[in-house]
C-alpha atoms as a PDB file:
ATOM      1  CA  MET A   1      26.195  38.883   8.732  1.00  0.00           C
ATOM      2  CA  HIS A   2      25.092  35.131   7.615  1.00  0.00           C
ATOM      3  CA  THR A   3      26.863  32.312   9.510  1.00  0.00           C
ATOM      4  CA  HIS A   4      27.783  30.768   5.857  1.00  0.00           C
ATOM      5  CA  PHE A   5      29.754  34.046   5.009  1.00  0.00           C
ATOM      6  CA  MET A   6      31.311  33.960   8.465  1.00  0.00           C
ATOM      7  CA  ASP A   7      32.377  29.940   7.917  1.00  0.00           C
ATOM      8  CA  LYS A   8      33.632  30.760   4.322  1.00  0.00           C
ATOM      9  CA  LEU A   9      35.615  34.008   5.934  1.00  0.00           C
ATOM     10  CA  ARG A  10      37.317  31.674   8.512  1.00  0.00           C
ATOM     11  CA  ASN A  11      39.206  30.030   6.157  1.00  0.00           C
ATOM     12  CA  TYR A  12      41.619  33.116   6.144  1.00  0.00           C
ATOM     13  CA  ASP A  13      41.831  33.189  10.395  1.00  0.00           C
ATOM     14  CA  VAL A  14      45.596  32.845  11.502  1.00  0.00           C
ATOM     15  CA  SER A  15      45.297  31.094  14.623  1.00  0.00           C
ATOM     16  CA  PHE A  16      47.968  32.290  16.738  1.00  0.00           C
ATOM     17  CA  SER A  17      46.959  30.996  20.185  1.00  0.00           C
ATOM     18  CA  GLY A  18      48.893  28.039  20.050  1.00  0.00           C
ATOM     19  CA  LEU A  19      51.739  29.202  18.573  1.00  0.00           C
ATOM     20  CA  LYS A  20      55.191  29.513  20.222  1.00  0.00           C
ATOM     21  CA  THR A  21      56.929  33.252  19.830  1.00  0.00           C
ATOM     22  CA  GLY A  22      58.656  33.793  17.008  1.00  0.00           C
ATOM     23  CA  LYS A  23      58.348  33.740  13.259  1.00  0.00           C
ATOM     24  CA  HIS A  24      55.404  31.398  11.675  1.00  0.00           C
ATOM     25  CA  GLN A  25      54.450  31.341   7.935  1.00  0.00           C
ATOM     26  CA  PHE A  26      51.154  30.857   6.187  1.00  0.00           C
ATOM     27  CA  LYS A  27      50.156  30.272   2.449  1.00  0.00           C
ATOM     28  CA  PHE A  28      46.315  31.179   0.936  1.00  0.00           C
ATOM     29  CA  GLU A  29      45.542  30.358  -2.514  1.00  0.00           C
ATOM     30  CA  ILE A  30      43.090  33.025  -3.792  1.00  0.00           C
ATOM     31  CA  ASP A  31      40.200  32.689  -6.252  1.00  0.00           C
ATOM     32  CA  LYS A  32      37.317  34.004  -7.528  1.00  0.00           C
ATOM     33  CA  THR A  33      35.520  32.387  -4.679  1.00  0.00           C
ATOM     34  CA  PHE A  34      37.551  34.671  -2.038  1.00  0.00           C
ATOM     35  CA  PHE A  35      36.057  38.074  -3.887  1.00  0.00           C
ATOM     36  CA  GLN A  36      32.574  36.723  -3.851  1.00  0.00           C
ATOM     37  CA  LEU A  37      32.926  36.734  -0.223  1.00  0.00           C
ATOM     38  CA  PHE A  38      32.732  40.919  -0.829  1.00  0.00           C
ATOM     39  CA  ASP A  39      29.608  42.225  -2.062  1.00  0.00           C
ATOM     40  CA  THR A  40      31.699  44.680  -4.398  1.00  0.00           C
ATOM     41  CA  GLU A  41      31.513  44.810  -8.045  1.00  0.00           C
ATOM     42  CA  GLN A  42      34.802  43.080  -9.276  1.00  0.00           C
ATOM     43  CA  GLU A  43      36.874  45.051 -11.813  1.00  0.00           C
ATOM     44  CA  PHE A  44      38.797  42.031 -12.632  1.00  0.00           C
ATOM     45  CA  THR A  45      37.948  38.311 -13.381  1.00  0.00           C
ATOM     46  CA  ASN A  46      40.061  35.016 -13.312  1.00  0.00           C
ATOM     47  CA  PRO A  47      42.263  36.051  -9.986  1.00  0.00           C
ATOM     48  CA  LYS A  48      44.874  33.389  -9.491  1.00  0.00           C
ATOM     49  CA  ILE A  49      46.587  34.838  -6.313  1.00  0.00           C
ATOM     50  CA  THR A  50      49.098  33.799  -3.846  1.00  0.00           C
ATOM     51  CA  VAL A  51      49.072  35.274  -0.276  1.00  0.00           C
ATOM     52  CA  ASP A  52      52.260  34.277   2.066  1.00  0.00           C
ATOM     53  CA  VAL A  53      51.205  35.436   5.472  1.00  0.00           C
ATOM     54  CA  PHE A  54      54.573  35.997   7.968  1.00  0.00           C
ATOM     55  CA  LEU A  55      53.471  36.211  11.444  1.00  0.00           C
ATOM     56  CA  GLU A  56      56.382  36.982  14.068  1.00  0.00           C
ATOM     57  CA  LYS A  57      54.863  36.267  17.293  1.00  0.00           C
ATOM     58  CA  HIS A  58      55.709  38.318  20.403  1.00  0.00           C
ATOM     59  CA  THR A  59      54.571  38.020  23.899  1.00  0.00           C
ATOM     60  CA  THR A  60      52.395  40.724  23.745  1.00  0.00           C
ATOM     61  CA  PHE A  61      51.581  41.856  20.240  1.00  0.00           C
ATOM     62  CA  LEU A  62      51.781  40.475  16.817  1.00  0.00           C
ATOM     63  CA  GLU A  63      53.131  41.150  13.614  1.00  0.00           C
ATOM     64  CA  PHE A  64      52.043  40.473  10.288  1.00  0.00           C
ATOM     65  CA  GLU A  65      53.133  40.762   6.655  1.00  0.00           C
ATOM     66  CA  ILE A  66      50.904  40.272   4.013  1.00  0.00           C
ATOM     67  CA  GLU A  67      52.727  39.480   0.653  1.00  0.00           C
ATOM     68  CA  THR A  68      50.098  38.849  -2.164  1.00  0.00           C
ATOM     69  CA  TYR A  69      51.470  38.018  -5.959  1.00  0.00           C
ATOM     70  CA  GLY A  70      49.710  36.570  -8.773  1.00  0.00           C
ATOM     71  CA  ASN A  71      47.529  37.544 -11.654  1.00  0.00           C
ATOM     72  CA  VAL A  72      44.123  38.816 -12.620  1.00  0.00           C
ATOM     73  CA  GLU A  73      42.595  39.588 -16.194  1.00  0.00           C
ATOM     74  CA  LEU A  74      41.835  42.885 -16.731  1.00  0.00           C
ATOM     75  CA  VAL A  75      39.547  44.713 -19.203  1.00  0.00           C
ATOM     76  CA  CYS A  76      41.178  47.044 -21.211  1.00  0.00           C
ATOM     77  CA  ASP A  77      39.418  50.421 -21.378  1.00  0.00           C
ATOM     78  CA  ILE A  78      40.735  51.135 -25.257  1.00  0.00           C
ATOM     79  CA  THR A  79      40.552  48.047 -26.977  1.00  0.00           C
ATOM     80  CA  ASN A  80      38.132  46.248 -24.743  1.00  0.00           C
ATOM     81  CA  GLU A  81      40.027  42.841 -24.531  1.00  0.00           C
ATOM     82  CA  ASP A  82      41.032  40.945 -22.031  1.00  0.00           C
ATOM     83  CA  PHE A  83      44.641  41.114 -20.479  1.00  0.00           C
ATOM     84  CA  GLU A  84      46.560  40.006 -17.818  1.00  0.00           C
ATOM     85  CA  HIS A  85      47.667  42.075 -14.834  1.00  0.00           C
ATOM     86  CA  PRO A  86      50.321  41.439 -12.600  1.00  0.00           C
ATOM     87  CA  ILE A  87      49.152  41.461  -8.530  1.00  0.00           C
ATOM     88  CA  GLU A  88      52.058  42.597  -6.338  1.00  0.00           C
ATOM     89  CA  ASN A  89      51.619  44.056  -3.096  1.00  0.00           C
ATOM     90  CA  ASP A  90      52.257  43.923   0.510  1.00  0.00           C
ATOM     91  CA  ILE A  91      50.857  45.145   3.739  1.00  0.00           C
ATOM     92  CA  LYS A  92      52.578  45.284   7.075  1.00  0.00           C
ATOM     93  CA  VAL A  93      50.244  45.258  10.373  1.00  0.00           C
ATOM     94  CA  LEU A  94      51.050  45.285  14.207  1.00  0.00           C
ATOM     95  CA  VAL A  95      48.174  43.659  16.152  1.00  0.00           C
ATOM     96  CA  LYS A  96      47.781  44.461  19.544  1.00  0.00           C
ATOM     97  CA  PHE A  97      45.052  43.149  22.074  1.00  0.00           C
ATOM     98  CA  GLY A  98      42.371  45.653  23.850  1.00  0.00           C
ATOM     99  CA  GLU A  99      38.661  45.687  24.686  1.00  0.00           C
ATOM    100  CA  GLU A 100      37.409  45.839  21.188  1.00  0.00           C
ATOM    101  CA  TYR A 101      38.275  45.589  17.508  1.00  0.00           C
ATOM    102  CA  ASP A 102      39.814  48.691  16.208  1.00  0.00           C
ATOM    103  CA  ASP A 103      41.619  49.713  13.353  1.00  0.00           C
ATOM    104  CA  SER A 104      41.337  53.626  13.133  1.00  0.00           C
ATOM    105  CA  GLU A 105      45.202  53.545  13.658  1.00  0.00           C
ATOM    106  CA  GLU A 106      47.344  53.628  10.536  1.00  0.00           C
ATOM    107  CA  ASP A 107      49.030  50.202  10.337  1.00  0.00           C
ATOM    108  CA  VAL A 108      47.824  49.249  13.940  1.00  0.00           C
ATOM    109  CA  ILE A 109      44.684  46.826  14.292  1.00  0.00           C
ATOM    110  CA  THR A 110      43.928  46.398  18.000  1.00  0.00           C
ATOM    111  CA  ILE A 111      41.571  42.869  18.604  1.00  0.00           C
ATOM    112  CA  PRO A 112      39.661  41.809  21.670  1.00  0.00           C
ATOM    113  CA  THR A 113      42.252  39.958  24.091  1.00  0.00           C
ATOM    114  CA  SER A 114      39.498  37.179  23.926  1.00  0.00           C
ATOM    115  CA  ASP A 115      40.453  36.599  19.765  1.00  0.00           C
ATOM    116  CA  HIS A 116      42.409  33.305  19.481  1.00  0.00           C
ATOM    117  CA  ALA A 117      42.952  34.293  15.452  1.00  0.00           C
ATOM    118  CA  PHE A 118      43.580  37.117  13.502  1.00  0.00           C
ATOM    119  CA  ASN A 119      41.466  37.254   9.974  1.00  0.00           C
ATOM    120  CA  VAL A 120      43.574  38.357   6.888  1.00  0.00           C
ATOM    121  CA  ALA A 121      40.643  38.231   4.626  1.00  0.00           C
ATOM    122  CA  GLN A 122      40.367  42.207   4.588  1.00  0.00           C
ATOM    123  CA  LEU A 123      43.611  42.824   4.139  1.00  0.00           C
ATOM    124  CA  ILE A 124      44.244  40.621   1.388  1.00  0.00           C
ATOM    125  CA  TYR A 125      41.490  42.206  -0.251  1.00  0.00           C
ATOM    126  CA  GLU A 126      42.847  45.338   0.322  1.00  0.00           C
ATOM    127  CA  ASN A 127      46.312  44.373  -1.356  1.00  0.00           C
ATOM    128  CA  VAL A 128      44.445  43.037  -4.369  1.00  0.00           C
ATOM    129  CA  ALA A 129      41.986  45.906  -4.665  1.00  0.00           C
ATOM    130  CA  LEU A 130      45.459  48.670  -4.504  1.00  0.00           C
ATOM    131  CA  SER A 131      47.288  46.789  -7.434  1.00  0.00           C
ATOM    132  CA  ILE A 132      44.427  47.186  -9.920  1.00  0.00           C
ATOM    133  CA  PRO A 133      45.112  50.262 -12.053  1.00  0.00           C
ATOM    134  CA  MET A 134      42.720  53.056 -12.326  1.00  0.00           C
ATOM    135  CA  LYS A 135      43.516  53.048 -15.987  1.00  0.00           C
ATOM    136  CA  LYS A 136      43.456  49.841 -17.810  1.00  0.00           C
ATOM    137  CA  VAL A 137      45.676  49.448 -20.690  1.00  0.00           C
ATOM    138  CA  SER A 138      46.604  46.040 -22.111  1.00  0.00           C
ATOM    139  CA  PRO A 139      50.261  46.096 -22.733  1.00  0.00           C
ATOM    140  CA  ASN A 140      49.434  45.157 -26.388  1.00  0.00           C
ATOM    141  CA  VAL A 141      48.225  49.083 -26.945  1.00  0.00           C
ATOM    142  CA  SER A 142      51.355  50.511 -27.739  1.00  0.00           C
ATOM    143  CA  ASP A 143      52.512  54.477 -27.184  1.00  0.00           C
ATOM    144  CA  GLU A 144      51.396  55.678 -30.347  1.00  0.00           C
ATOM    145  CA  ASP A 145      47.709  54.347 -30.106  1.00  0.00           C
ATOM    146  CA  LEU A 146      47.366  56.083 -27.208  1.00  0.00           C
ATOM    147  CA  GLU A 147      48.713  59.270 -28.197  1.00  0.00           C
ATOM    148  CA  ILE A 148      45.984  59.005 -31.851  1.00  0.00           C
ATOM    149  CA  LEU A 149      43.194  58.266 -28.762  1.00  0.00           C
ATOM    150  CA  GLU A 150      44.205  61.550 -26.705  1.00  0.00           C
ATOM    151  CA  LYS A 151      44.412  63.697 -29.703  1.00  0.00           C
ATOM    152  CA  PHE A 152      40.862  62.059 -30.909  1.00  0.00           C
ATOM    153  CA  SER A 153      39.590  62.061 -27.513  1.00  0.00           C
ATOM    154  CA  PRO A 154      36.846  64.690 -26.952  1.00  0.00           C
ATOM    155  CA  LYS A 155      38.095  67.557 -24.694  1.00  0.00           C
ATOM    156  CA  GLU A 156      35.498  67.339 -22.395  1.00  0.00           C
ATOM    157  CA  VAL A 157      37.444  64.500 -20.686  1.00  0.00           C
ATOM    158  CA  GLU A 158      39.703  66.855 -19.241  1.00  0.00           C
ATOM    159  CA  GLU A 159      37.244  68.170 -16.643  1.00  0.00           C
ATOM    160  CA  GLU A 160      36.689  65.043 -15.063  1.00  0.00           C
ATOM    161  CA  PRO A 161      36.647  65.412 -11.135  1.00  0.00           C
ATOM    162  CA  GLU A 162      40.098  64.097 -10.101  1.00  0.00           C
ATOM    163  CA  SER A 163      38.357  61.561  -7.687  1.00  0.00           C
ATOM    164  CA  ASP A 164      37.514  58.407  -8.519  1.00  0.00           C
ATOM    165  CA  PRO A 165      34.096  56.898  -7.478  1.00  0.00           C
ATOM    166  CA  ARG A 166      35.999  53.712  -6.571  1.00  0.00           C
ATOM    167  CA  TRP A 167      38.539  55.296  -4.360  1.00  0.00           C
ATOM    168  CA  GLU A 168      36.111  56.880  -2.816  1.00  0.00           C
ATOM    169  CA  ALA A 169      34.011  54.061  -2.099  1.00  0.00           C
ATOM    170  CA  LEU A 170      37.159  52.535  -0.944  1.00  0.00           C
ATOM    171  CA  LYS A 171      37.695  55.074   1.182  1.00  0.00           C
ATOM    172  CA  LYS A 172      34.397  55.212   2.780  1.00  0.00           C
ATOM    173  CA  LEU A 173      34.764  51.616   3.449  1.00  0.00           C
ATOM    174  CA  LYS A 174      37.910  52.050   5.173  1.00  0.00           C
ATOM    175  CA  ASP A 175      36.467  54.947   7.375  1.00  0.00           C
ATOM    176  CA  LYS A 176      33.255  52.953   8.234  1.00  0.00           C
ATOM    177  CA  ASN A 177      35.243  49.849   9.734  1.00  0.00           C
END
């Protein structure tokens, strides 16, 4: 990875080495520059998101809770107009120390014993990605509009495979890490 990218990503490091055991809180303000660090196609614009990171430091492990809240702009699938969509999600992760980085366990991430900081960028990104609905429908679209649309929408739509390619991509991304 080019160093410039790593430097930017380092802004989302939570440094725990100097901290006393107990509870600590960090705050991050997230906008589009954050998402530009991830080279995926964004489905939203104008993100204005606040992230509260709660860290409880224990002697041999760390407990993180990452709360994400704010708004992004989505484009309505039906009317093509922009609308604001609230983002609200929270992820809890246990961080343990080991030989090397490992996130194969659900909700547990192992980081090298030599690390002094834990980078929360990926978790923030996932928090937001999981808050984006698959069907983007503006709140201005009434239920009647939806019903009319479904009546007149071509029937072949129903044969679409259930899995969403974006999900598949996200799954692949998770498996790869």
